[in-house]
Amino acid sequence: MFLLLISATDYEIGETALWLNNPSTLLNVLKAELLISGIGQLQTAYTLGKKISEMKPDLVIQAGIGG
């Protein structure tokens, strides 16, 4: 399973990025990538659309402060 985790800024998802980069955290069956999209709906839509077309993830989760 390939997971794409998206957030607008590094600050919003910093602790999760540290957790994802720890090799002992994830099982061998889960591959995850973190995408920093930038602030705003248009920037997020463009960045996310481009990445989805390239990587074809199984699951996309957007996480952050949201406002």
PDB file of N, CA and C in Angstrom:
ATOM      1  N   MET A   1       0.845  -1.175   0.000  1.00  0.00           N
ATOM      2  CA  MET A   1       0.000   0.000   0.000  1.00  0.00           C
ATOM      3  C   MET A   1       0.893   1.241   0.000  1.00  0.00           C
ATOM      4  N   PHE A   2       0.549   2.174  -0.858  1.00  0.00           N
ATOM      5  CA  PHE A   2       1.312   3.419  -0.957  1.00  0.00           C
ATOM      6  C   PHE A   2       0.458   4.568  -0.429  1.00  0.00           C
ATOM      7  N   LEU A   3       0.950   5.249   0.591  1.00  0.00           N
ATOM      8  CA  LEU A   3       0.252   6.341   1.259  1.00  0.00           C
ATOM      9  C   LEU A   3       0.907   7.659   0.881  1.00  0.00           C
ATOM     10  N   LEU A   4       0.089   8.622   0.504  1.00  0.00           N
ATOM     11  CA  LEU A   4       0.560   9.986   0.248  1.00  0.00           C
ATOM     12  C   LEU A   4      -0.045  10.884   1.310  1.00  0.00           C
ATOM     13  N   LEU A   5       0.797  11.470   2.132  1.00  0.00           N
ATOM     14  CA  LEU A   5       0.369  12.373   3.192  1.00  0.00           C
ATOM     15  C   LEU A   5       0.697  13.785   2.748  1.00  0.00           C
ATOM     16  N   ILE A   6      -0.308  14.647   2.703  1.00  0.00           N
ATOM     17  CA  ILE A   6      -0.123  16.004   2.181  1.00  0.00           C
ATOM     18  C   ILE A   6      -0.439  17.039   3.254  1.00  0.00           C
ATOM     19  N   SER A   7       0.361  18.100   3.260  1.00  0.00           N
ATOM     20  CA  SER A   7       0.173  19.203   4.185  1.00  0.00           C
ATOM     21  C   SER A   7       0.628  20.492   3.506  1.00  0.00           C
ATOM     22  N   ALA A   8       0.092  21.605   3.944  1.00  0.00           N
ATOM     23  CA  ALA A   8       0.418  22.882   3.323  1.00  0.00           C
ATOM     24  C   ALA A   8       1.836  23.352   3.673  1.00  0.00           C
ATOM     25  N   THR A   9       2.250  23.145   4.915  1.00  0.00           N
ATOM     26  CA  THR A   9       3.573  23.621   5.349  1.00  0.00           C
ATOM     27  C   THR A   9       4.296  22.537   6.150  1.00  0.00           C
ATOM     28  N   ASP A  10       5.608  22.670   6.246  1.00  0.00           N
ATOM     29  CA  ASP A  10       6.416  21.755   7.052  1.00  0.00           C
ATOM     30  C   ASP A  10       6.030  21.837   8.529  1.00  0.00           C
ATOM     31  N   TYR A  11       5.729  23.019   8.971  1.00  0.00           N
ATOM     32  CA  TYR A  11       5.418  23.237  10.385  1.00  0.00           C
ATOM     33  C   TYR A  11       4.226  22.394  10.832  1.00  0.00           C
ATOM     34  N   GLU A  12       3.212  22.302   9.990  1.00  0.00           N
ATOM     35  CA  GLU A  12       1.987  21.582  10.348  1.00  0.00           C
ATOM     36  C   GLU A  12       2.206  20.083  10.505  1.00  0.00           C
ATOM     37  N   ILE A  13       3.151  19.541   9.829  1.00  0.00           N
ATOM     38  CA  ILE A  13       3.299  18.094   9.769  1.00  0.00           C
ATOM     39  C   ILE A  13       4.686  17.627  10.224  1.00  0.00           C
ATOM     40  N   GLY A  14       5.429  18.506  10.867  1.00  0.00           N
ATOM     41  CA  GLY A  14       6.809  18.225  11.247  1.00  0.00           C
ATOM     42  C   GLY A  14       7.007  16.969  12.080  1.00  0.00           C
ATOM     43  N   GLU A  15       6.221  16.792  13.120  1.00  0.00           N
ATOM     44  CA  GLU A  15       6.374  15.614  13.985  1.00  0.00           C
ATOM     45  C   GLU A  15       6.036  14.322  13.245  1.00  0.00           C
ATOM     46  N   THR A  16       5.043  14.372  12.395  1.00  0.00           N
ATOM     47  CA  THR A  16       4.673  13.200  11.605  1.00  0.00           C
ATOM     48  C   THR A  16       5.774  12.860  10.608  1.00  0.00           C
ATOM     49  N   ALA A  17       6.411  13.864  10.043  1.00  0.00           N
ATOM     50  CA  ALA A  17       7.518  13.630   9.114  1.00  0.00           C
ATOM     51  C   ALA A  17       8.670  12.919   9.813  1.00  0.00           C
ATOM     52  N   LEU A  18       8.964  13.299  11.031  1.00  0.00           N
ATOM     53  CA  LEU A  18      10.008  12.608  11.796  1.00  0.00           C
ATOM     54  C   LEU A  18       9.629  11.151  12.027  1.00  0.00           C
ATOM     55  N   TRP A  19       8.359  10.921  12.334  1.00  0.00           N
ATOM     56  CA  TRP A  19       7.868   9.558  12.565  1.00  0.00           C
ATOM     57  C   TRP A  19       7.954   8.732  11.285  1.00  0.00           C
ATOM     58  N   LEU A  20       7.577   9.316  10.153  1.00  0.00           N
ATOM     59  CA  LEU A  20       7.625   8.594   8.883  1.00  0.00           C
ATOM     60  C   LEU A  20       9.052   8.276   8.457  1.00  0.00           C
ATOM     61  N   ASN A  21      10.003   9.131   8.777  1.00  0.00           N
ATOM     62  CA  ASN A  21      11.396   8.928   8.383  1.00  0.00           C
ATOM     63  C   ASN A  21      12.132   7.930   9.261  1.00  0.00           C
ATOM     64  N   ASN A  22      11.511   7.512  10.351  1.00  0.00           N
ATOM     65  CA  ASN A  22      12.114   6.519  11.231  1.00  0.00           C
ATOM     66  C   ASN A  22      11.919   5.134  10.609  1.00  0.00           C
ATOM     67  N   PRO A  23      12.995   4.418  10.271  1.00  0.00           N
ATOM     68  CA  PRO A  23      12.861   3.134   9.588  1.00  0.00           C
ATOM     69  C   PRO A  23      12.118   2.071  10.395  1.00  0.00           C
ATOM     70  N   SER A  24      12.137   2.152  11.709  1.00  0.00           N
ATOM     71  CA  SER A  24      11.451   1.151  12.523  1.00  0.00           C
ATOM     72  C   SER A  24       9.952   1.425  12.672  1.00  0.00           C
ATOM     73  N   THR A  25       9.479   2.560  12.180  1.00  0.00           N
ATOM     74  CA  THR A  25       8.075   2.924  12.344  1.00  0.00           C
ATOM     75  C   THR A  25       7.149   2.154  11.420  1.00  0.00           C
ATOM     76  N   LEU A  26       7.498   2.076  10.164  1.00  0.00           N
ATOM     77  CA  LEU A  26       6.603   1.502   9.178  1.00  0.00           C
ATOM     78  C   LEU A  26       6.907   0.033   8.914  1.00  0.00           C
ATOM     79  N   LEU A  27       5.856  -0.703   8.631  1.00  0.00           N
ATOM     80  CA  LEU A  27       6.028  -2.093   8.236  1.00  0.00           C
ATOM     81  C   LEU A  27       6.489  -2.147   6.789  1.00  0.00           C
ATOM     82  N   ASN A  28       6.988  -3.262   6.366  1.00  0.00           N
ATOM     83  CA  ASN A  28       7.470  -3.409   4.999  1.00  0.00           C
ATOM     84  C   ASN A  28       6.362  -3.283   3.962  1.00  0.00           C
ATOM     85  N   VAL A  29       5.116  -3.501   4.363  1.00  0.00           N
ATOM     86  CA  VAL A  29       4.010  -3.460   3.402  1.00  0.00           C
ATOM     87  C   VAL A  29       3.514  -2.041   3.149  1.00  0.00           C
ATOM     88  N   LEU A  30       3.921  -1.074   3.954  1.00  0.00           N
ATOM     89  CA  LEU A  30       3.444   0.302   3.819  1.00  0.00           C
ATOM     90  C   LEU A  30       4.571   1.209   3.346  1.00  0.00           C
ATOM     91  N   LYS A  31       4.333   1.890   2.249  1.00  0.00           N
ATOM     92  CA  LYS A  31       5.277   2.895   1.775  1.00  0.00           C
ATOM     93  C   LYS A  31       4.560   4.229   1.847  1.00  0.00           C
ATOM     94  N   ALA A  32       5.227   5.224   2.365  1.00  0.00           N
ATOM     95  CA  ALA A  32       4.599   6.521   2.545  1.00  0.00           C
ATOM     96  C   ALA A  32       5.495   7.622   2.010  1.00  0.00           C
ATOM     97  N   GLU A  33       4.845   8.662   1.504  1.00  0.00           N
ATOM     98  CA  GLU A  33       5.570   9.840   1.051  1.00  0.00           C
ATOM     99  C   GLU A  33       4.849  11.071   1.573  1.00  0.00           C
ATOM    100  N   LEU A  34       5.618  12.060   1.955  1.00  0.00           N
ATOM    101  CA  LEU A  34       5.093  13.321   2.459  1.00  0.00           C
ATOM    102  C   LEU A  34       5.193  14.368   1.363  1.00  0.00           C
ATOM    103  N   LEU A  35       4.106  15.097   1.139  1.00  0.00           N
ATOM    104  CA  LEU A  35       4.066  16.148   0.127  1.00  0.00           C
ATOM    105  C   LEU A  35       3.691  17.461   0.799  1.00  0.00           C
ATOM    106  N   ILE A  36       4.526  18.461   0.636  1.00  0.00           N
ATOM    107  CA  ILE A  36       4.226  19.810   1.115  1.00  0.00           C
ATOM    108  C   ILE A  36       3.691  20.584  -0.079  1.00  0.00           C
ATOM    109  N   SER A  37       2.417  20.984  -0.010  1.00  0.00           N
ATOM    110  CA  SER A  37       1.731  21.547  -1.183  1.00  0.00           C
ATOM    111  C   SER A  37       1.868  23.055  -1.314  1.00  0.00           C
ATOM    112  N   GLY A  38       2.013  23.749  -0.225  1.00  0.00           N
ATOM    113  CA  GLY A  38       1.957  25.206  -0.252  1.00  0.00           C
ATOM    114  C   GLY A  38       0.595  25.676   0.244  1.00  0.00           C
ATOM    115  N   ILE A  39       0.491  26.934   0.538  1.00  0.00           N
ATOM    116  CA  ILE A  39      -0.715  27.483   1.158  1.00  0.00           C
ATOM    117  C   ILE A  39      -1.724  27.891   0.092  1.00  0.00           C
ATOM    118  N   GLY A  40      -2.986  27.533   0.322  1.00  0.00           N
ATOM    119  CA  GLY A  40      -4.069  27.938  -0.561  1.00  0.00           C
ATOM    120  C   GLY A  40      -4.658  26.777  -1.349  1.00  0.00           C
ATOM    121  N   GLN A  41      -5.935  26.930  -1.698  1.00  0.00           N
ATOM    122  CA  GLN A  41      -6.654  25.877  -2.408  1.00  0.00           C
ATOM    123  C   GLN A  41      -6.088  25.624  -3.798  1.00  0.00           C
ATOM    124  N   LEU A  42      -5.781  26.669  -4.525  1.00  0.00           N
ATOM    125  CA  LEU A  42      -5.271  26.517  -5.883  1.00  0.00           C
ATOM    126  C   LEU A  42      -3.905  25.835  -5.880  1.00  0.00           C
ATOM    127  N   GLN A  43      -3.024  26.258  -5.005  1.00  0.00           N
ATOM    128  CA  GLN A  43      -1.697  25.646  -4.903  1.00  0.00           C
ATOM    129  C   GLN A  43      -1.797  24.176  -4.513  1.00  0.00           C
ATOM    130  N   THR A  44      -2.673  23.874  -3.572  1.00  0.00           N
ATOM    131  CA  THR A  44      -2.855  22.490  -3.131  1.00  0.00           C
ATOM    132  C   THR A  44      -3.416  21.627  -4.248  1.00  0.00           C
ATOM    133  N   ALA A  45      -4.428  22.121  -4.941  1.00  0.00           N
ATOM    134  CA  ALA A  45      -5.040  21.354  -6.034  1.00  0.00           C
ATOM    135  C   ALA A  45      -4.033  21.058  -7.137  1.00  0.00           C
ATOM    136  N   TYR A  46      -3.232  22.033  -7.513  1.00  0.00           N
ATOM    137  CA  TYR A  46      -2.236  21.844  -8.563  1.00  0.00           C
ATOM    138  C   TYR A  46      -1.176  20.829  -8.145  1.00  0.00           C
ATOM    139  N   THR A  47      -0.600  21.027  -6.960  1.00  0.00           N
ATOM    140  CA  THR A  47       0.467  20.155  -6.476  1.00  0.00           C
ATOM    141  C   THR A  47      -0.027  18.723  -6.278  1.00  0.00           C
ATOM    142  N   LEU A  48      -1.200  18.582  -5.699  1.00  0.00           N
ATOM    143  CA  LEU A  48      -1.762  17.260  -5.446  1.00  0.00           C
ATOM    144  C   LEU A  48      -2.114  16.549  -6.749  1.00  0.00           C
ATOM    145  N   GLY A  49      -2.728  17.258  -7.676  1.00  0.00           N
ATOM    146  CA  GLY A  49      -3.072  16.657  -8.969  1.00  0.00           C
ATOM    147  C   GLY A  49      -1.850  16.168  -9.719  1.00  0.00           C
ATOM    148  N   LYS A  50      -0.812  16.953  -9.701  1.00  0.00           N
ATOM    149  CA  LYS A  50       0.438  16.579 -10.369  1.00  0.00           C
ATOM    150  C   LYS A  50       1.045  15.331  -9.735  1.00  0.00           C
ATOM    151  N   LYS A  51       1.082  15.285  -8.409  1.00  0.00           N
ATOM    152  CA  LYS A  51       1.683  14.150  -7.700  1.00  0.00           C
ATOM    153  C   LYS A  51       0.852  12.875  -7.869  1.00  0.00           C
ATOM    154  N   ILE A  52      -0.464  13.001  -7.825  1.00  0.00           N
ATOM    155  CA  ILE A  52      -1.324  11.822  -7.991  1.00  0.00           C
ATOM    156  C   ILE A  52      -1.155  11.222  -9.377  1.00  0.00           C
ATOM    157  N   SER A  53      -1.046  12.053 -10.385  1.00  0.00           N
ATOM    158  CA  SER A  53      -0.882  11.537 -11.744  1.00  0.00           C
ATOM    159  C   SER A  53       0.471  10.850 -11.930  1.00  0.00           C
ATOM    160  N   GLU A  54       1.481  11.274 -11.190  1.00  0.00           N
ATOM    161  CA  GLU A  54       2.814  10.671 -11.285  1.00  0.00           C
ATOM    162  C   GLU A  54       2.927   9.375 -10.491  1.00  0.00           C
ATOM    163  N   MET A  55       2.393   9.359  -9.264  1.00  0.00           N
ATOM    164  CA  MET A  55       2.693   8.273  -8.337  1.00  0.00           C
ATOM    165  C   MET A  55       1.578   7.251  -8.151  1.00  0.00           C
ATOM    166  N   LYS A  56       0.347   7.591  -8.440  1.00  0.00           N
ATOM    167  CA  LYS A  56      -0.799   6.691  -8.283  1.00  0.00           C
ATOM    168  C   LYS A  56      -0.881   6.077  -6.870  1.00  0.00           C
ATOM    169  N   PRO A  57      -1.054   6.907  -5.834  1.00  0.00           N
ATOM    170  CA  PRO A  57      -1.105   6.373  -4.469  1.00  0.00           C
ATOM    171  C   PRO A  57      -2.409   5.611  -4.213  1.00  0.00           C
ATOM    172  N   ASP A  58      -2.373   4.689  -3.251  1.00  0.00           N
ATOM    173  CA  ASP A  58      -3.559   3.945  -2.849  1.00  0.00           C
ATOM    174  C   ASP A  58      -4.437   4.757  -1.899  1.00  0.00           C
ATOM    175  N   LEU A  59      -3.815   5.611  -1.112  1.00  0.00           N
ATOM    176  CA  LEU A  59      -4.536   6.403  -0.118  1.00  0.00           C
ATOM    177  C   LEU A  59      -3.870   7.776  -0.010  1.00  0.00           C
ATOM    178  N   VAL A  60      -4.692   8.827   0.022  1.00  0.00           N
ATOM    179  CA  VAL A  60      -4.193  10.200   0.181  1.00  0.00           C
ATOM    180  C   VAL A  60      -4.845  10.772   1.438  1.00  0.00           C
ATOM    181  N   ILE A  61      -4.028  11.303   2.327  1.00  0.00           N
ATOM    182  CA  ILE A  61      -4.523  11.938   3.551  1.00  0.00           C
ATOM    183  C   ILE A  61      -3.966  13.343   3.612  1.00  0.00           C
ATOM    184  N   GLN A  62      -4.880  14.315   3.763  1.00  0.00           N
ATOM    185  CA  GLN A  62      -4.445  15.702   3.954  1.00  0.00           C
ATOM    186  C   GLN A  62      -4.556  16.018   5.422  1.00  0.00           C
ATOM    187  N   ALA A  63      -3.463  16.491   6.003  1.00  0.00           N
ATOM    188  CA  ALA A  63      -3.419  16.776   7.424  1.00  0.00           C
ATOM    189  C   ALA A  63      -2.789  18.147   7.646  1.00  0.00           C
ATOM    190  N   GLY A  64      -3.250  18.830   8.675  1.00  0.00           N
ATOM    191  CA  GLY A  64      -2.680  20.121   9.004  1.00  0.00           C
ATOM    192  C   GLY A  64      -3.592  20.895   9.933  1.00  0.00           C
ATOM    193  N   ILE A  65      -3.261  22.140  10.109  1.00  0.00           N
ATOM    194  CA  ILE A  65      -4.014  22.997  11.030  1.00  0.00           C
ATOM    195  C   ILE A  65      -5.344  23.415  10.409  1.00  0.00           C
ATOM    196  N   GLY A  66      -5.346  23.724   9.129  1.00  0.00           N
ATOM    197  CA  GLY A  66      -6.586  24.030   8.422  1.00  0.00           C
ATOM    198  C   GLY A  66      -7.208  25.362   8.776  1.00  0.00           C
ATOM    199  N   GLY A  67      -6.414  26.383   8.883  1.00  0.00           N
ATOM    200  CA  GLY A  67      -7.035  27.666   9.067  1.00  0.00           C
ATOM    201  C   GLY A  67      -6.505  28.428  10.215  1.00  0.00           C
TER     202      GLY A  67
END
